[in-house]
Amino acid sequence: LTKNVYCFRYTKPQTFADCIGNELPLGWEEAYDPQIGRYYINHVNQVTQLEDPRLEWLSIQEAMLREYLHTAQEALEVSTLY
C-alpha cells in the first residue's frame, strides 16, 4: 500500500535556503518570452536576469558543503594523531 503525501505551502519561502525543489522565494518569478526564452524577475530589487537564480544558490550550497567536508577531514586527521 503506497500513500501519496503532498505538502502544500500557504506562504512562499522567504529565501532560497527555504525553498523546496524548484521553488523560487518570495519576490521572484519565472517568465517566458518567445524571443529570449525563460528569464527570471526579481520584484524585490526590480531586475530581470536570464540565469536561473537557483543555480547561484546551488553553487553556494556546494561551496558550503566542500568547506564543511574539508573542516571535518582536518578534525578527523587531528583526532587520529592523539
N, C-alpha and C. Protein backbone atom coordinates (compact mmCIF):
# COMPACT_ATOMS: atom_id res chain seq x y z
N LEU A 1 0.85 -1.18 0.00
CA LEU A 1 0.00 0.00 0.00
C LEU A 1 0.89 1.23 0.00
N THR A 2 0.75 2.06 -0.99
CA THR A 2 1.55 3.27 -1.12
C THR A 2 0.66 4.49 -0.91
N LYS A 3 1.13 5.39 -0.08
CA LYS A 3 0.40 6.63 0.15
C LYS A 3 1.12 7.77 -0.54
N ASN A 4 0.37 8.60 -1.20
CA ASN A 4 0.94 9.82 -1.76
C ASN A 4 0.78 10.93 -0.74
N VAL A 5 1.89 11.55 -0.41
CA VAL A 5 1.86 12.63 0.56
C VAL A 5 2.19 13.92 -0.17
N TYR A 6 1.33 14.89 -0.03
CA TYR A 6 1.53 16.17 -0.67
C TYR A 6 1.72 17.24 0.39
N CYS A 7 2.65 18.12 0.14
CA CYS A 7 2.92 19.22 1.06
C CYS A 7 2.46 20.51 0.39
N PHE A 8 1.55 21.19 1.01
CA PHE A 8 1.07 22.46 0.48
C PHE A 8 1.57 23.59 1.35
N ARG A 9 2.11 24.60 0.73
CA ARG A 9 2.55 25.78 1.46
C ARG A 9 1.51 26.87 1.28
N TYR A 10 1.27 27.55 2.35
CA TYR A 10 0.33 28.67 2.27
C TYR A 10 1.06 29.99 2.08
N THR A 11 2.36 29.98 2.30
CA THR A 11 3.18 31.17 2.06
C THR A 11 4.39 30.76 1.24
N LYS A 12 4.92 31.70 0.48
CA LYS A 12 6.12 31.40 -0.30
C LYS A 12 7.33 31.42 0.61
N PRO A 13 8.35 30.62 0.29
CA PRO A 13 9.57 30.66 1.09
C PRO A 13 10.21 32.05 1.02
N GLN A 14 10.84 32.46 2.10
CA GLN A 14 11.42 33.80 2.19
C GLN A 14 12.79 33.89 1.51
N THR A 15 13.55 32.79 1.51
CA THR A 15 14.90 32.78 0.93
C THR A 15 15.08 31.52 0.09
N PHE A 16 16.16 31.49 -0.67
CA PHE A 16 16.46 30.29 -1.45
C PHE A 16 16.72 29.10 -0.54
N ALA A 17 17.27 29.35 0.65
CA ALA A 17 17.54 28.27 1.60
C ALA A 17 16.24 27.61 2.07
N ASP A 18 15.15 28.34 2.04
CA ASP A 18 13.85 27.81 2.48
C ASP A 18 13.10 27.07 1.37
N CYS A 19 13.57 27.18 0.14
CA CYS A 19 12.86 26.60 -1.00
C CYS A 19 12.97 25.08 -1.02
N ILE A 20 11.93 24.46 -1.52
CA ILE A 20 11.90 23.01 -1.70
C ILE A 20 11.76 22.74 -3.20
N GLY A 21 12.61 21.86 -3.72
CA GLY A 21 12.52 21.53 -5.14
C GLY A 21 12.86 22.72 -6.01
N ASN A 22 11.98 23.01 -6.95
CA ASN A 22 12.22 24.10 -7.91
C ASN A 22 11.53 25.40 -7.52
N GLU A 23 11.16 25.54 -6.25
CA GLU A 23 10.50 26.78 -5.82
C GLU A 23 11.43 27.98 -5.97
N LEU A 24 10.82 29.11 -6.17
CA LEU A 24 11.51 30.39 -6.10
C LEU A 24 10.99 31.12 -4.87
N PRO A 25 11.86 31.85 -4.18
CA PRO A 25 11.39 32.54 -2.97
C PRO A 25 10.51 33.74 -3.28
N LEU A 26 9.94 34.26 -2.23
CA LEU A 26 9.08 35.44 -2.31
C LEU A 26 9.78 36.56 -3.08
N GLY A 27 9.09 37.13 -4.04
CA GLY A 27 9.66 38.24 -4.81
C GLY A 27 10.23 37.81 -6.15
N TRP A 28 10.42 36.51 -6.35
CA TRP A 28 10.96 36.00 -7.61
C TRP A 28 9.85 35.39 -8.45
N GLU A 29 10.01 35.51 -9.77
CA GLU A 29 9.04 34.94 -10.70
C GLU A 29 9.79 34.44 -11.93
N GLU A 30 9.36 33.30 -12.44
CA GLU A 30 9.90 32.78 -13.69
C GLU A 30 8.93 33.18 -14.80
N ALA A 31 9.48 33.69 -15.90
CA ALA A 31 8.65 34.14 -17.02
C ALA A 31 9.23 33.62 -18.32
N TYR A 32 8.46 33.73 -19.39
CA TYR A 32 8.91 33.25 -20.70
C TYR A 32 8.62 34.32 -21.74
N ASP A 33 9.62 34.54 -22.59
CA ASP A 33 9.49 35.45 -23.72
C ASP A 33 9.83 34.64 -24.97
N PRO A 34 9.01 34.70 -26.02
CA PRO A 34 9.28 33.89 -27.22
C PRO A 34 10.62 34.21 -27.88
N GLN A 35 11.14 35.42 -27.70
CA GLN A 35 12.40 35.78 -28.35
C GLN A 35 13.62 35.38 -27.54
N ILE A 36 13.54 35.50 -26.22
CA ILE A 36 14.73 35.19 -25.40
C ILE A 36 14.58 33.92 -24.58
N GLY A 37 13.38 33.40 -24.49
CA GLY A 37 13.16 32.18 -23.72
C GLY A 37 12.83 32.49 -22.27
N ARG A 38 13.23 31.59 -21.41
CA ARG A 38 12.93 31.71 -19.99
C ARG A 38 13.82 32.76 -19.34
N TYR A 39 13.23 33.55 -18.47
CA TYR A 39 14.00 34.54 -17.71
C TYR A 39 13.37 34.68 -16.33
N TYR A 40 14.05 35.39 -15.45
CA TYR A 40 13.64 35.46 -14.05
C TYR A 40 13.51 36.91 -13.63
N ILE A 41 12.45 37.18 -12.89
CA ILE A 41 12.16 38.54 -12.43
C ILE A 41 12.33 38.58 -10.91
N ASN A 42 13.16 39.51 -10.46
CA ASN A 42 13.31 39.76 -9.03
C ASN A 42 12.52 41.03 -8.74
N HIS A 43 11.32 40.87 -8.22
CA HIS A 43 10.44 42.01 -7.96
C HIS A 43 10.94 42.85 -6.79
N VAL A 44 11.70 42.25 -5.88
CA VAL A 44 12.22 42.98 -4.72
C VAL A 44 13.22 44.04 -5.17
N ASN A 45 14.18 43.63 -6.01
CA ASN A 45 15.22 44.55 -6.49
C ASN A 45 14.87 45.15 -7.85
N GLN A 46 13.73 44.77 -8.41
CA GLN A 46 13.25 45.28 -9.70
C GLN A 46 14.27 45.08 -10.82
N VAL A 47 14.75 43.83 -10.94
CA VAL A 47 15.68 43.47 -12.00
C VAL A 47 15.23 42.16 -12.63
N THR A 48 15.70 41.93 -13.85
CA THR A 48 15.47 40.66 -14.53
C THR A 48 16.82 40.05 -14.87
N GLN A 49 16.83 38.73 -15.05
CA GLN A 49 18.06 38.05 -15.44
C GLN A 49 17.72 36.79 -16.20
N LEU A 50 18.66 36.37 -17.05
CA LEU A 50 18.47 35.16 -17.83
C LEU A 50 18.89 33.92 -17.05
N GLU A 51 19.90 34.05 -16.20
CA GLU A 51 20.39 32.90 -15.45
C GLU A 51 19.44 32.56 -14.31
N ASP A 52 19.17 31.28 -14.18
CA ASP A 52 18.30 30.79 -13.11
C ASP A 52 18.94 31.11 -11.76
N PRO A 53 18.30 31.90 -10.91
CA PRO A 53 18.90 32.27 -9.63
C PRO A 53 19.11 31.08 -8.70
N ARG A 54 18.40 30.00 -8.94
CA ARG A 54 18.59 28.80 -8.11
C ARG A 54 19.96 28.19 -8.34
N LEU A 55 20.55 28.42 -9.53
CA LEU A 55 21.89 27.88 -9.81
C LEU A 55 22.94 28.56 -8.94
N GLU A 56 22.78 29.85 -8.71
CA GLU A 56 23.72 30.56 -7.83
C GLU A 56 23.62 30.01 -6.41
N TRP A 57 22.40 29.78 -5.94
CA TRP A 57 22.22 29.22 -4.60
C TRP A 57 22.82 27.81 -4.53
N LEU A 58 22.66 27.03 -5.59
CA LEU A 58 23.23 25.69 -5.63
C LEU A 58 24.75 25.74 -5.51
N SER A 59 25.40 26.68 -6.20
CA SER A 59 26.86 26.79 -6.11
C SER A 59 27.28 27.23 -4.71
N ILE A 60 26.48 28.07 -4.05
CA ILE A 60 26.77 28.47 -2.66
C ILE A 60 26.66 27.25 -1.75
N GLN A 61 25.62 26.45 -1.94
CA GLN A 61 25.45 25.24 -1.13
C GLN A 61 26.62 24.28 -1.32
N GLU A 62 27.05 24.11 -2.57
CA GLU A 62 28.18 23.21 -2.85
C GLU A 62 29.45 23.71 -2.18
N ALA A 63 29.69 25.01 -2.21
CA ALA A 63 30.87 25.58 -1.56
C ALA A 63 30.80 25.38 -0.05
N MET A 64 29.62 25.56 0.54
CA MET A 64 29.46 25.34 1.97
C MET A 64 29.72 23.88 2.33
N LEU A 65 29.25 22.96 1.50
CA LEU A 65 29.46 21.53 1.75
C LEU A 65 30.94 21.18 1.63
N ARG A 66 31.62 21.72 0.61
CA ARG A 66 33.06 21.45 0.46
C ARG A 66 33.83 21.95 1.67
N GLU A 67 33.50 23.15 2.15
CA GLU A 67 34.16 23.72 3.33
C GLU A 67 33.91 22.85 4.57
N TYR A 68 32.68 22.40 4.73
CA TYR A 68 32.34 21.54 5.86
C TYR A 68 33.13 20.24 5.80
N LEU A 69 33.17 19.61 4.63
CA LEU A 69 33.90 18.35 4.49
C LEU A 69 35.39 18.54 4.72
N HIS A 70 35.94 19.65 4.25
CA HIS A 70 37.35 19.95 4.46
C HIS A 70 37.64 20.11 5.95
N THR A 71 36.80 20.86 6.65
CA THR A 71 36.96 21.07 8.08
C THR A 71 36.82 19.75 8.84
N ALA A 72 35.85 18.94 8.46
CA ALA A 72 35.65 17.65 9.11
C ALA A 72 36.85 16.73 8.89
N GLN A 73 37.40 16.73 7.68
CA GLN A 73 38.57 15.91 7.38
C GLN A 73 39.76 16.35 8.23
N GLU A 74 39.97 17.67 8.34
CA GLU A 74 41.06 18.18 9.17
C GLU A 74 40.87 17.77 10.63
N ALA A 75 39.66 17.87 11.14
CA ALA A 75 39.38 17.50 12.53
C ALA A 75 39.62 16.01 12.74
N LEU A 76 39.26 15.20 11.77
CA LEU A 76 39.48 13.76 11.86
C LEU A 76 40.97 13.44 11.87
N GLU A 77 41.74 14.11 11.03
CA GLU A 77 43.18 13.89 10.98
C GLU A 77 43.84 14.29 12.29
N VAL A 78 43.42 15.40 12.88
CA VAL A 78 43.98 15.86 14.15
C VAL A 78 43.63 14.87 15.25
N SER A 79 42.39 14.38 15.27
CA SER A 79 41.97 13.47 16.34
C SER A 79 42.68 12.13 16.25
N THR A 80 43.10 11.71 15.07
CA THR A 80 43.81 10.43 14.95
C THR A 80 45.27 10.56 15.35
N LEU A 81 45.78 11.79 15.48
CA LEU A 81 47.16 11.99 15.91
C LEU A 81 47.33 11.78 17.41
N TYR A 82 46.26 11.92 18.16
CA TYR A 82 46.35 11.83 19.62
C TYR A 82 45.83 10.55 20.14
